[in-house]
Amino acid sequence: MIFSRSKEKIENEKNLYSLKQLQGKMSKFETERADVIELSKKFNEEVATIKFSNQLKEKEKEIEDEVNALSEDDVIARTTKILTDYFLGQRQIYWHIQNPFDNHDVFRRENSEFQEAGIQKIILVCFAALSDSMHNMPSHIERKQIRRLRGNLIEFYQDKYLILQFIEHHLQSRLPHTVYQDLMRLFPSGN
């Protein structure tokens, strides 16, 4: 009987420990969820709202002048490079997120602040926002529709400008240095 009470006590302690672990995980999840919701709101305020309210007049003029100064061959070459860099960047980020066998997988390291899916999703939202300005580029390249490519380039550079500002202000401190450097290398701030 004494043995059964101690066995019960051990089981209760195990259950209490499991419950505390579960509560800790739930608390961490709620904190991360709140952080992602806040980042999503900031993304909408600082990227989507600005883009659709046309608040980039000065930057837009600067970008238009630069794009309009490009030759037709330069427009095609630049849009081709943008598409290539975009797909490489998206592939690289997706690979890090999904590949549990990658020894250099900064998204899954135990001590990484970037383990959870929330910030990963925000980065994918950034890529998706860029793709909005790029979705017609391949057909315009194929048909050599330079005027439309120029419009796509202008829209892409505006979106990229807003997204890079968002990444620098809100994600730089939350990302592993290598991921941040990869994003900056794939989407350099210059046009």
N, C-alpha and C. Protein backbone atom coordinates (compact mmCIF):
# COMPACT_ATOMS: atom_id res chain seq x y z
N MET A 1 0.80 -1.18 0.00
CA MET A 1 0.00 0.00 0.00
C MET A 1 0.86 1.28 0.00
N ILE A 2 1.93 1.25 0.76
CA ILE A 2 2.84 2.39 0.77
C ILE A 2 3.45 2.57 -0.63
N PHE A 3 3.79 1.43 -1.23
CA PHE A 3 4.38 1.48 -2.57
C PHE A 3 3.38 2.07 -3.58
N SER A 4 2.11 1.69 -3.47
CA SER A 4 1.11 2.19 -4.42
C SER A 4 0.89 3.69 -4.24
N ARG A 5 0.98 4.19 -3.01
CA ARG A 5 0.84 5.63 -2.79
C ARG A 5 2.02 6.38 -3.40
N SER A 6 3.23 5.83 -3.24
CA SER A 6 4.37 6.51 -3.85
C SER A 6 4.30 6.44 -5.36
N LYS A 7 3.76 5.35 -5.87
CA LYS A 7 3.60 5.24 -7.32
C LYS A 7 2.59 6.28 -7.80
N GLU A 8 1.52 6.46 -7.05
CA GLU A 8 0.52 7.48 -7.37
C GLU A 8 1.14 8.87 -7.30
N LYS A 9 1.95 9.10 -6.27
CA LYS A 9 2.59 10.40 -6.11
C LYS A 9 3.53 10.67 -7.29
N ILE A 10 4.28 9.66 -7.70
CA ILE A 10 5.19 9.81 -8.85
C ILE A 10 4.39 10.12 -10.11
N GLU A 11 3.30 9.41 -10.32
CA GLU A 11 2.44 9.66 -11.49
C GLU A 11 1.87 11.08 -11.45
N ASN A 12 1.44 11.51 -10.28
CA ASN A 12 0.90 12.88 -10.14
C ASN A 12 1.97 13.92 -10.43
N GLU A 13 3.19 13.68 -9.94
CA GLU A 13 4.29 14.60 -10.20
C GLU A 13 4.62 14.65 -11.69
N LYS A 14 4.60 13.49 -12.35
CA LYS A 14 4.84 13.45 -13.80
C LYS A 14 3.76 14.23 -14.54
N ASN A 15 2.52 14.00 -14.13
CA ASN A 15 1.42 14.72 -14.78
C ASN A 15 1.51 16.22 -14.54
N LEU A 16 1.89 16.62 -13.31
CA LEU A 16 2.05 18.03 -13.00
C LEU A 16 3.18 18.64 -13.84
N TYR A 17 4.28 17.90 -13.96
CA TYR A 17 5.41 18.36 -14.77
C TYR A 17 4.97 18.51 -16.24
N SER A 18 4.24 17.53 -16.77
CA SER A 18 3.75 17.58 -18.15
C SER A 18 2.80 18.75 -18.33
N LEU A 19 1.96 18.98 -17.35
CA LEU A 19 1.02 20.10 -17.42
C LEU A 19 1.77 21.43 -17.43
N LYS A 20 2.79 21.56 -16.59
CA LYS A 20 3.59 22.79 -16.56
C LYS A 20 4.31 22.99 -17.90
N GLN A 21 4.83 21.90 -18.48
CA GLN A 21 5.46 22.00 -19.80
C GLN A 21 4.46 22.48 -20.84
N LEU A 22 3.27 21.91 -20.82
CA LEU A 22 2.22 22.28 -21.76
C LEU A 22 1.83 23.74 -21.57
N GLN A 23 1.70 24.19 -20.34
CA GLN A 23 1.36 25.58 -20.07
C GLN A 23 2.46 26.51 -20.58
N GLY A 24 3.72 26.11 -20.39
CA GLY A 24 4.84 26.90 -20.89
C GLY A 24 4.82 27.00 -22.40
N LYS A 25 4.54 25.89 -23.06
CA LYS A 25 4.47 25.89 -24.53
C LYS A 25 3.30 26.74 -25.01
N MET A 26 2.18 26.63 -24.32
CA MET A 26 1.02 27.43 -24.72
C MET A 26 1.29 28.92 -24.53
N SER A 27 1.94 29.27 -23.44
CA SER A 27 2.27 30.66 -23.19
C SER A 27 3.22 31.19 -24.27
N LYS A 28 4.21 30.39 -24.61
CA LYS A 28 5.15 30.77 -25.67
C LYS A 28 4.43 30.92 -27.00
N PHE A 29 3.53 29.99 -27.30
CA PHE A 29 2.76 30.05 -28.54
C PHE A 29 1.93 31.33 -28.59
N GLU A 30 1.26 31.67 -27.50
CA GLU A 30 0.42 32.86 -27.46
C GLU A 30 1.25 34.13 -27.64
N THR A 31 2.44 34.16 -27.04
CA THR A 31 3.33 35.31 -27.20
C THR A 31 3.76 35.45 -28.65
N GLU A 32 4.16 34.33 -29.25
CA GLU A 32 4.58 34.35 -30.65
C GLU A 32 3.42 34.71 -31.57
N ARG A 33 2.26 34.20 -31.26
CA ARG A 33 1.07 34.50 -32.07
C ARG A 33 0.77 36.00 -32.01
N ALA A 34 0.84 36.57 -30.83
CA ALA A 34 0.60 38.01 -30.68
C ALA A 34 1.65 38.81 -31.45
N ASP A 35 2.90 38.34 -31.42
CA ASP A 35 3.98 39.01 -32.15
C ASP A 35 3.72 38.98 -33.65
N VAL A 36 3.29 37.83 -34.16
CA VAL A 36 3.01 37.69 -35.59
C VAL A 36 1.82 38.56 -35.99
N ILE A 37 0.81 38.61 -35.15
CA ILE A 37 -0.35 39.47 -35.44
C ILE A 37 0.10 40.93 -35.49
N GLU A 38 0.94 41.33 -34.56
CA GLU A 38 1.45 42.70 -34.55
C GLU A 38 2.29 42.98 -35.80
N LEU A 39 3.14 42.04 -36.17
CA LEU A 39 3.94 42.20 -37.40
C LEU A 39 3.04 42.28 -38.63
N SER A 40 2.00 41.49 -38.66
CA SER A 40 1.06 41.52 -39.80
C SER A 40 0.39 42.89 -39.90
N LYS A 41 -0.01 43.44 -38.76
CA LYS A 41 -0.63 44.77 -38.75
C LYS A 41 0.36 45.82 -39.25
N LYS A 42 1.61 45.72 -38.77
CA LYS A 42 2.64 46.68 -39.22
C LYS A 42 2.90 46.53 -40.71
N PHE A 43 2.91 45.29 -41.20
CA PHE A 43 3.10 45.07 -42.64
C PHE A 43 1.98 45.75 -43.42
N ASN A 44 0.76 45.57 -42.97
CA ASN A 44 -0.38 46.21 -43.66
C ASN A 44 -0.28 47.73 -43.62
N GLU A 45 0.13 48.28 -42.47
CA GLU A 45 0.25 49.74 -42.34
C GLU A 45 1.40 50.29 -43.18
N GLU A 46 2.54 49.61 -43.12
CA GLU A 46 3.77 50.17 -43.70
C GLU A 46 4.05 49.73 -45.13
N VAL A 47 3.37 48.71 -45.60
CA VAL A 47 3.60 48.25 -46.97
C VAL A 47 2.32 48.35 -47.78
N ALA A 48 1.32 47.58 -47.41
CA ALA A 48 0.10 47.52 -48.22
C ALA A 48 -0.63 48.86 -48.28
N THR A 49 -0.85 49.49 -47.14
CA THR A 49 -1.59 50.76 -47.11
C THR A 49 -0.85 51.83 -47.89
N ILE A 50 0.45 51.93 -47.71
CA ILE A 50 1.23 52.94 -48.43
C ILE A 50 1.21 52.67 -49.92
N LYS A 51 1.35 51.38 -50.29
CA LYS A 51 1.35 51.02 -51.71
C LYS A 51 0.04 51.42 -52.38
N PHE A 52 -1.07 51.07 -51.77
CA PHE A 52 -2.36 51.30 -52.40
C PHE A 52 -2.89 52.72 -52.22
N SER A 53 -2.28 53.49 -51.32
CA SER A 53 -2.73 54.88 -51.16
C SER A 53 -1.84 55.85 -51.93
N ASN A 54 -0.84 55.31 -52.62
CA ASN A 54 0.02 56.10 -53.49
C ASN A 54 0.74 57.22 -52.73
N GLN A 55 1.36 56.87 -51.61
CA GLN A 55 2.05 57.85 -50.77
C GLN A 55 3.54 57.95 -51.06
N LEU A 56 4.00 57.39 -52.14
CA LEU A 56 5.44 57.38 -52.44
C LEU A 56 5.79 58.31 -53.60
N LYS A 57 5.20 59.45 -53.66
CA LYS A 57 5.36 60.35 -54.81
C LYS A 57 6.84 60.64 -55.12
N GLU A 58 7.62 61.03 -54.11
CA GLU A 58 9.03 61.38 -54.36
C GLU A 58 9.83 60.17 -54.83
N LYS A 59 9.66 59.05 -54.13
CA LYS A 59 10.39 57.83 -54.49
C LYS A 59 9.92 57.34 -55.85
N GLU A 60 8.63 57.45 -56.12
CA GLU A 60 8.07 57.01 -57.40
C GLU A 60 8.71 57.79 -58.56
N LYS A 61 8.86 59.09 -58.41
CA LYS A 61 9.46 59.93 -59.46
C LYS A 61 10.91 59.51 -59.70
N GLU A 62 11.64 59.28 -58.62
CA GLU A 62 13.04 58.86 -58.72
C GLU A 62 13.14 57.51 -59.46
N ILE A 63 12.27 56.58 -59.10
CA ILE A 63 12.27 55.26 -59.73
C ILE A 63 11.87 55.37 -61.21
N GLU A 64 10.83 56.15 -61.50
CA GLU A 64 10.39 56.32 -62.89
C GLU A 64 11.50 56.88 -63.76
N ASP A 65 12.19 57.89 -63.26
CA ASP A 65 13.28 58.48 -64.03
C ASP A 65 14.36 57.45 -64.33
N GLU A 66 14.70 56.67 -63.34
CA GLU A 66 15.74 55.66 -63.53
C GLU A 66 15.30 54.59 -64.53
N VAL A 67 14.08 54.10 -64.40
CA VAL A 67 13.59 53.04 -65.28
C VAL A 67 13.43 53.57 -66.71
N ASN A 68 12.92 54.78 -66.86
CA ASN A 68 12.73 55.35 -68.19
C ASN A 68 14.05 55.64 -68.90
N ALA A 69 15.13 55.77 -68.14
CA ALA A 69 16.44 56.01 -68.74
C ALA A 69 17.08 54.72 -69.28
N LEU A 70 16.50 53.57 -68.95
CA LEU A 70 17.04 52.29 -69.41
C LEU A 70 16.72 52.04 -70.88
N SER A 71 17.66 51.40 -71.58
CA SER A 71 17.39 50.98 -72.95
C SER A 71 16.44 49.79 -72.93
N GLU A 72 15.88 49.42 -74.08
CA GLU A 72 14.97 48.28 -74.14
C GLU A 72 15.68 46.99 -73.71
N ASP A 73 16.91 46.82 -74.15
CA ASP A 73 17.67 45.62 -73.76
C ASP A 73 17.93 45.59 -72.26
N ASP A 74 18.22 46.77 -71.69
CA ASP A 74 18.45 46.83 -70.24
C ASP A 74 17.17 46.51 -69.46
N VAL A 75 16.03 46.95 -69.97
CA VAL A 75 14.75 46.66 -69.31
C VAL A 75 14.52 45.15 -69.28
N ILE A 76 14.73 44.49 -70.41
CA ILE A 76 14.55 43.04 -70.48
C ILE A 76 15.55 42.32 -69.59
N ALA A 77 16.81 42.75 -69.64
CA ALA A 77 17.85 42.10 -68.82
C ALA A 77 17.54 42.28 -67.33
N ARG A 78 17.12 43.47 -66.95
CA ARG A 78 16.85 43.73 -65.53
C ARG A 78 15.65 42.94 -65.04
N THR A 79 14.58 42.88 -65.81
CA THR A 79 13.42 42.11 -65.37
C THR A 79 13.73 40.62 -65.31
N THR A 80 14.54 40.14 -66.24
CA THR A 80 14.94 38.73 -66.21
C THR A 80 15.74 38.44 -64.95
N LYS A 81 16.66 39.33 -64.60
CA LYS A 81 17.46 39.14 -63.38
C LYS A 81 16.58 39.21 -62.14
N ILE A 82 15.62 40.12 -62.11
CA ILE A 82 14.71 40.23 -60.97
C ILE A 82 13.95 38.92 -60.78
N LEU A 83 13.42 38.37 -61.87
CA LEU A 83 12.68 37.12 -61.77
C LEU A 83 13.57 35.98 -61.27
N THR A 84 14.77 35.89 -61.80
CA THR A 84 15.71 34.84 -61.39
C THR A 84 16.05 34.98 -59.91
N ASP A 85 16.40 36.19 -59.49
CA ASP A 85 16.75 36.41 -58.08
C ASP A 85 15.58 36.13 -57.15
N TYR A 86 14.39 36.52 -57.58
CA TYR A 86 13.19 36.28 -56.78
C TYR A 86 12.98 34.78 -56.55
N PHE A 87 13.02 34.02 -57.62
CA PHE A 87 12.77 32.59 -57.48
C PHE A 87 13.88 31.90 -56.69
N LEU A 88 15.11 32.33 -56.87
CA LEU A 88 16.20 31.76 -56.06
C LEU A 88 16.01 32.09 -54.59
N GLY A 89 15.65 33.32 -54.30
CA GLY A 89 15.43 33.72 -52.90
C GLY A 89 14.27 32.98 -52.27
N GLN A 90 13.19 32.87 -53.00
CA GLN A 90 12.02 32.16 -52.48
C GLN A 90 12.36 30.69 -52.24
N ARG A 91 13.08 30.10 -53.16
CA ARG A 91 13.49 28.70 -53.02
C ARG A 91 14.38 28.51 -51.79
N GLN A 92 15.33 29.42 -51.62
CA GLN A 92 16.26 29.31 -50.50
C GLN A 92 15.53 29.43 -49.16
N ILE A 93 14.65 30.39 -49.02
CA ILE A 93 13.89 30.55 -47.78
C ILE A 93 13.00 29.34 -47.55
N TYR A 94 12.30 28.90 -48.57
CA TYR A 94 11.42 27.74 -48.43
C TYR A 94 12.24 26.50 -48.04
N TRP A 95 13.40 26.33 -48.64
CA TRP A 95 14.26 25.17 -48.34
C TRP A 95 14.64 25.18 -46.86
N HIS A 96 15.03 26.32 -46.36
CA HIS A 96 15.40 26.41 -44.94
C HIS A 96 14.22 26.07 -44.04
N ILE A 97 13.03 26.52 -44.41
CA ILE A 97 11.85 26.29 -43.58
C ILE A 97 11.45 24.82 -43.60
N GLN A 98 11.50 24.18 -44.75
CA GLN A 98 10.93 22.85 -44.90
C GLN A 98 11.91 21.69 -44.76
N ASN A 99 13.20 21.92 -44.87
CA ASN A 99 14.14 20.81 -44.92
C ASN A 99 14.72 20.50 -43.54
N PRO A 100 14.21 19.48 -42.87
CA PRO A 100 14.72 19.15 -41.53
C PRO A 100 16.09 18.46 -41.57
N PHE A 101 16.57 18.10 -42.75
CA PHE A 101 17.83 17.38 -42.84
C PHE A 101 19.00 18.30 -43.16
N ASP A 102 18.74 19.57 -43.34
CA ASP A 102 19.79 20.53 -43.66
C ASP A 102 20.60 20.83 -42.40
N ASN A 103 21.88 20.53 -42.43
CA ASN A 103 22.75 20.78 -41.26
C ASN A 103 22.90 22.26 -40.95
N HIS A 104 22.67 23.09 -41.93
CA HIS A 104 22.80 24.54 -41.73
C HIS A 104 21.44 25.20 -41.56
N ASP A 105 20.46 24.43 -41.14
CA ASP A 105 19.09 24.90 -41.06
C ASP A 105 18.90 25.82 -39.86
N VAL A 106 19.03 27.11 -40.09
CA VAL A 106 18.93 28.08 -39.00
C VAL A 106 17.51 28.21 -38.47
N PHE A 107 16.52 27.73 -39.20
CA PHE A 107 15.14 27.84 -38.75
C PHE A 107 14.80 26.82 -37.69
N ARG A 108 15.56 25.74 -37.57
CA ARG A 108 15.19 24.66 -36.66
C ARG A 108 16.19 24.45 -35.53
N ARG A 109 17.22 25.23 -35.45
CA ARG A 109 18.18 25.06 -34.35
C ARG A 109 17.51 25.37 -33.04
N GLU A 110 17.88 24.60 -32.03
CA GLU A 110 17.24 24.75 -30.72
C GLU A 110 17.41 26.15 -30.15
N ASN A 111 18.57 26.73 -30.32
CA ASN A 111 18.84 28.02 -29.70
C ASN A 111 18.48 29.20 -30.59
N SER A 112 17.95 28.92 -31.75
CA SER A 112 17.61 30.00 -32.67
C SER A 112 16.33 30.69 -32.21
N GLU A 113 16.31 32.02 -32.30
CA GLU A 113 15.10 32.77 -31.99
C GLU A 113 14.12 32.68 -33.15
N PHE A 114 14.54 32.02 -34.22
CA PHE A 114 13.77 32.00 -35.44
C PHE A 114 13.14 30.63 -35.68
N GLN A 115 12.96 29.85 -34.60
CA GLN A 115 12.44 28.49 -34.74
C GLN A 115 10.99 28.46 -35.19
N GLU A 116 10.22 29.36 -34.69
CA GLU A 116 8.77 29.27 -34.87
C GLU A 116 8.35 29.75 -36.25
N ALA A 117 7.20 29.30 -36.66
CA ALA A 117 6.72 29.53 -38.01
C ALA A 117 6.25 30.96 -38.26
N GLY A 118 5.98 31.72 -37.23
CA GLY A 118 5.41 33.05 -37.40
C GLY A 118 6.23 33.98 -38.25
N ILE A 119 7.49 34.17 -37.91
CA ILE A 119 8.32 35.09 -38.66
C ILE A 119 8.62 34.52 -40.05
N GLN A 120 8.71 33.21 -40.13
CA GLN A 120 8.89 32.58 -41.44
C GLN A 120 7.72 32.95 -42.35
N LYS A 121 6.52 32.93 -41.80
CA LYS A 121 5.34 33.28 -42.60
C LYS A 121 5.37 34.74 -43.02
N ILE A 122 5.84 35.61 -42.15
CA ILE A 122 5.93 37.03 -42.49
C ILE A 122 6.90 37.22 -43.66
N ILE A 123 8.01 36.48 -43.66
CA ILE A 123 8.96 36.57 -44.78
C ILE A 123 8.29 36.09 -46.06
N LEU A 124 7.54 35.01 -45.98
CA LEU A 124 6.84 34.53 -47.17
C LEU A 124 5.79 35.54 -47.64
N VAL A 125 5.17 36.27 -46.71
CA VAL A 125 4.23 37.33 -47.10
C VAL A 125 4.99 38.42 -47.86
N CYS A 126 6.20 38.73 -47.43
CA CYS A 126 7.02 39.72 -48.15
C CYS A 126 7.28 39.26 -49.58
N PHE A 127 7.64 37.99 -49.74
CA PHE A 127 7.85 37.45 -51.08
C PHE A 127 6.56 37.50 -51.90
N ALA A 128 5.45 37.17 -51.28
CA ALA A 128 4.16 37.20 -51.99
C ALA A 128 3.82 38.61 -52.44
N ALA A 129 4.09 39.60 -51.59
CA ALA A 129 3.81 40.99 -51.96
C ALA A 129 4.65 41.42 -53.15
N LEU A 130 5.90 40.97 -53.18
CA LEU A 130 6.74 41.28 -54.34
C LEU A 130 6.22 40.60 -55.60
N SER A 131 5.73 39.39 -55.45
CA SER A 131 5.26 38.66 -56.63
C SER A 131 4.06 39.35 -57.28
N ASP A 132 3.31 40.13 -56.50
CA ASP A 132 2.18 40.85 -57.05
C ASP A 132 2.60 41.80 -58.16
N SER A 133 3.75 42.44 -58.00
CA SER A 133 4.23 43.38 -59.02
C SER A 133 4.99 42.68 -60.15
N MET A 134 5.22 41.39 -60.00
CA MET A 134 6.04 40.66 -60.98
C MET A 134 5.24 39.69 -61.84
N HIS A 135 4.00 39.43 -61.51
CA HIS A 135 3.29 38.32 -62.14
C HIS A 135 3.12 38.46 -63.65
N ASN A 136 3.16 39.66 -64.19
CA ASN A 136 3.02 39.82 -65.64
C ASN A 136 4.36 39.93 -66.37
N MET A 137 5.45 40.01 -65.64
CA MET A 137 6.76 40.19 -66.27
C MET A 137 7.10 39.12 -67.31
N PRO A 138 6.90 37.83 -67.02
CA PRO A 138 7.29 36.83 -68.02
C PRO A 138 6.58 37.00 -69.37
N SER A 139 5.28 37.26 -69.35
CA SER A 139 4.58 37.42 -70.63
C SER A 139 5.00 38.70 -71.34
N HIS A 140 5.29 39.76 -70.58
CA HIS A 140 5.75 41.00 -71.21
C HIS A 140 7.15 40.83 -71.80
N ILE A 141 8.00 40.04 -71.14
CA ILE A 141 9.32 39.77 -71.70
C ILE A 141 9.17 38.98 -72.99
N GLU A 142 8.36 37.94 -72.95
CA GLU A 142 8.16 37.08 -74.12
C GLU A 142 7.65 37.88 -75.31
N ARG A 143 6.74 38.81 -75.07
CA ARG A 143 6.15 39.60 -76.16
C ARG A 143 6.92 40.90 -76.44
N LYS A 144 7.98 41.11 -75.65
CA LYS A 144 8.81 42.32 -75.76
C LYS A 144 7.96 43.59 -75.65
N GLN A 145 7.08 43.60 -74.66
CA GLN A 145 6.23 44.75 -74.39
C GLN A 145 6.96 45.66 -73.39
N ILE A 146 7.85 46.46 -73.92
CA ILE A 146 8.76 47.26 -73.11
C ILE A 146 8.02 48.27 -72.25
N ARG A 147 6.99 48.92 -72.79
CA ARG A 147 6.26 49.92 -72.03
C ARG A 147 5.64 49.28 -70.78
N ARG A 148 5.07 48.11 -70.95
CA ARG A 148 4.47 47.41 -69.81
C ARG A 148 5.54 46.90 -68.85
N LEU A 149 6.67 46.45 -69.38
CA LEU A 149 7.78 46.02 -68.51
C LEU A 149 8.27 47.18 -67.66
N ARG A 150 8.35 48.35 -68.26
CA ARG A 150 8.77 49.54 -67.49
C ARG A 150 7.79 49.77 -66.33
N GLY A 151 6.51 49.66 -66.59
CA GLY A 151 5.50 49.82 -65.54
C GLY A 151 5.66 48.77 -64.45
N ASN A 152 5.93 47.51 -64.87
CA ASN A 152 6.17 46.45 -63.89
C ASN A 152 7.41 46.73 -63.06
N LEU A 153 8.47 47.22 -63.72
CA LEU A 153 9.71 47.54 -62.99
C LEU A 153 9.47 48.64 -61.96
N ILE A 154 8.75 49.67 -62.36
CA ILE A 154 8.47 50.77 -61.43
C ILE A 154 7.69 50.25 -60.22
N GLU A 155 6.66 49.46 -60.47
CA GLU A 155 5.86 48.90 -59.38
C GLU A 155 6.71 47.97 -58.51
N PHE A 156 7.54 47.14 -59.13
CA PHE A 156 8.40 46.24 -58.37
C PHE A 156 9.35 47.02 -57.47
N TYR A 157 10.00 48.04 -58.01
CA TYR A 157 10.95 48.81 -57.20
C TYR A 157 10.27 49.54 -56.05
N GLN A 158 9.05 50.02 -56.27
CA GLN A 158 8.31 50.64 -55.18
C GLN A 158 7.99 49.62 -54.09
N ASP A 159 7.51 48.46 -54.51
CA ASP A 159 7.19 47.41 -53.53
C ASP A 159 8.44 46.96 -52.79
N LYS A 160 9.52 46.78 -53.54
CA LYS A 160 10.77 46.33 -52.92
C LYS A 160 11.25 47.35 -51.90
N TYR A 161 11.16 48.62 -52.23
CA TYR A 161 11.57 49.68 -51.32
C TYR A 161 10.79 49.59 -50.00
N LEU A 162 9.47 49.44 -50.09
CA LEU A 162 8.62 49.35 -48.89
C LEU A 162 8.93 48.08 -48.09
N ILE A 163 9.11 46.98 -48.79
CA ILE A 163 9.35 45.70 -48.11
C ILE A 163 10.72 45.70 -47.44
N LEU A 164 11.72 46.23 -48.10
CA LEU A 164 13.04 46.30 -47.47
C LEU A 164 13.04 47.20 -46.24
N GLN A 165 12.29 48.28 -46.29
CA GLN A 165 12.15 49.13 -45.10
C GLN A 165 11.50 48.34 -43.97
N PHE A 166 10.45 47.59 -44.30
CA PHE A 166 9.76 46.78 -43.30
C PHE A 166 10.72 45.75 -42.69
N ILE A 167 11.47 45.05 -43.53
CA ILE A 167 12.41 44.03 -43.04
C ILE A 167 13.46 44.67 -42.14
N GLU A 168 14.02 45.80 -42.57
CA GLU A 168 15.06 46.46 -41.77
C GLU A 168 14.51 46.95 -40.43
N HIS A 169 13.28 47.48 -40.42
CA HIS A 169 12.72 48.02 -39.18
C HIS A 169 12.17 46.96 -38.23
N HIS A 170 11.63 45.87 -38.77
CA HIS A 170 10.90 44.94 -37.91
C HIS A 170 11.44 43.52 -37.87
N LEU A 171 12.19 43.11 -38.87
CA LEU A 171 12.63 41.72 -38.89
C LEU A 171 14.12 41.54 -38.67
N GLN A 172 14.91 42.54 -38.93
CA GLN A 172 16.36 42.40 -38.83
C GLN A 172 16.79 41.83 -37.48
N SER A 173 16.24 42.35 -36.41
CA SER A 173 16.64 41.89 -35.07
C SER A 173 16.06 40.52 -34.73
N ARG A 174 15.06 40.07 -35.48
CA ARG A 174 14.42 38.78 -35.20
C ARG A 174 14.95 37.65 -36.07
N LEU A 175 15.70 38.00 -37.09
CA LEU A 175 16.21 36.99 -38.02
C LEU A 175 17.63 36.59 -37.67
N PRO A 176 17.99 35.34 -37.91
CA PRO A 176 19.40 34.98 -37.82
C PRO A 176 20.17 35.83 -38.83
N HIS A 177 21.38 36.20 -38.49
CA HIS A 177 22.17 37.09 -39.33
C HIS A 177 22.28 36.55 -40.76
N THR A 178 22.48 35.25 -40.91
CA THR A 178 22.65 34.68 -42.26
C THR A 178 21.39 34.83 -43.10
N VAL A 179 20.22 34.68 -42.51
CA VAL A 179 18.97 34.84 -43.25
C VAL A 179 18.79 36.30 -43.65
N TYR A 180 19.05 37.20 -42.73
CA TYR A 180 18.94 38.63 -43.04
C TYR A 180 19.90 39.00 -44.17
N GLN A 181 21.13 38.52 -44.10
CA GLN A 181 22.12 38.81 -45.15
C GLN A 181 21.67 38.24 -46.49
N ASP A 182 21.11 37.03 -46.49
CA ASP A 182 20.61 36.43 -47.73
C ASP A 182 19.50 37.29 -48.33
N LEU A 183 18.58 37.76 -47.49
CA LEU A 183 17.50 38.61 -48.00
C LEU A 183 18.04 39.90 -48.59
N MET A 184 18.98 40.52 -47.92
CA MET A 184 19.55 41.77 -48.42
C MET A 184 20.37 41.54 -49.70
N ARG A 185 21.03 40.39 -49.79
CA ARG A 185 21.81 40.08 -50.99
C ARG A 185 20.88 39.81 -52.18
N LEU A 186 19.79 39.11 -51.92
CA LEU A 186 18.88 38.77 -53.00
C LEU A 186 18.05 39.97 -53.46
N PHE A 187 17.78 40.88 -52.56
CA PHE A 187 17.01 42.08 -52.90
C PHE A 187 17.77 43.32 -52.43
N PRO A 188 18.88 43.63 -53.07
CA PRO A 188 19.65 44.80 -52.64
C PRO A 188 18.79 46.07 -52.75
N SER A 189 19.10 47.03 -51.89
CA SER A 189 18.23 48.22 -51.80
C SER A 189 18.32 49.12 -53.03
N GLY A 190 19.35 49.02 -53.81
CA GLY A 190 19.44 49.84 -55.03
C GLY A 190 18.51 49.33 -56.11
N ASN A 191 18.19 50.17 -57.08
CA ASN A 191 17.28 49.77 -58.16
C ASN A 191 18.01 49.11 -59.29
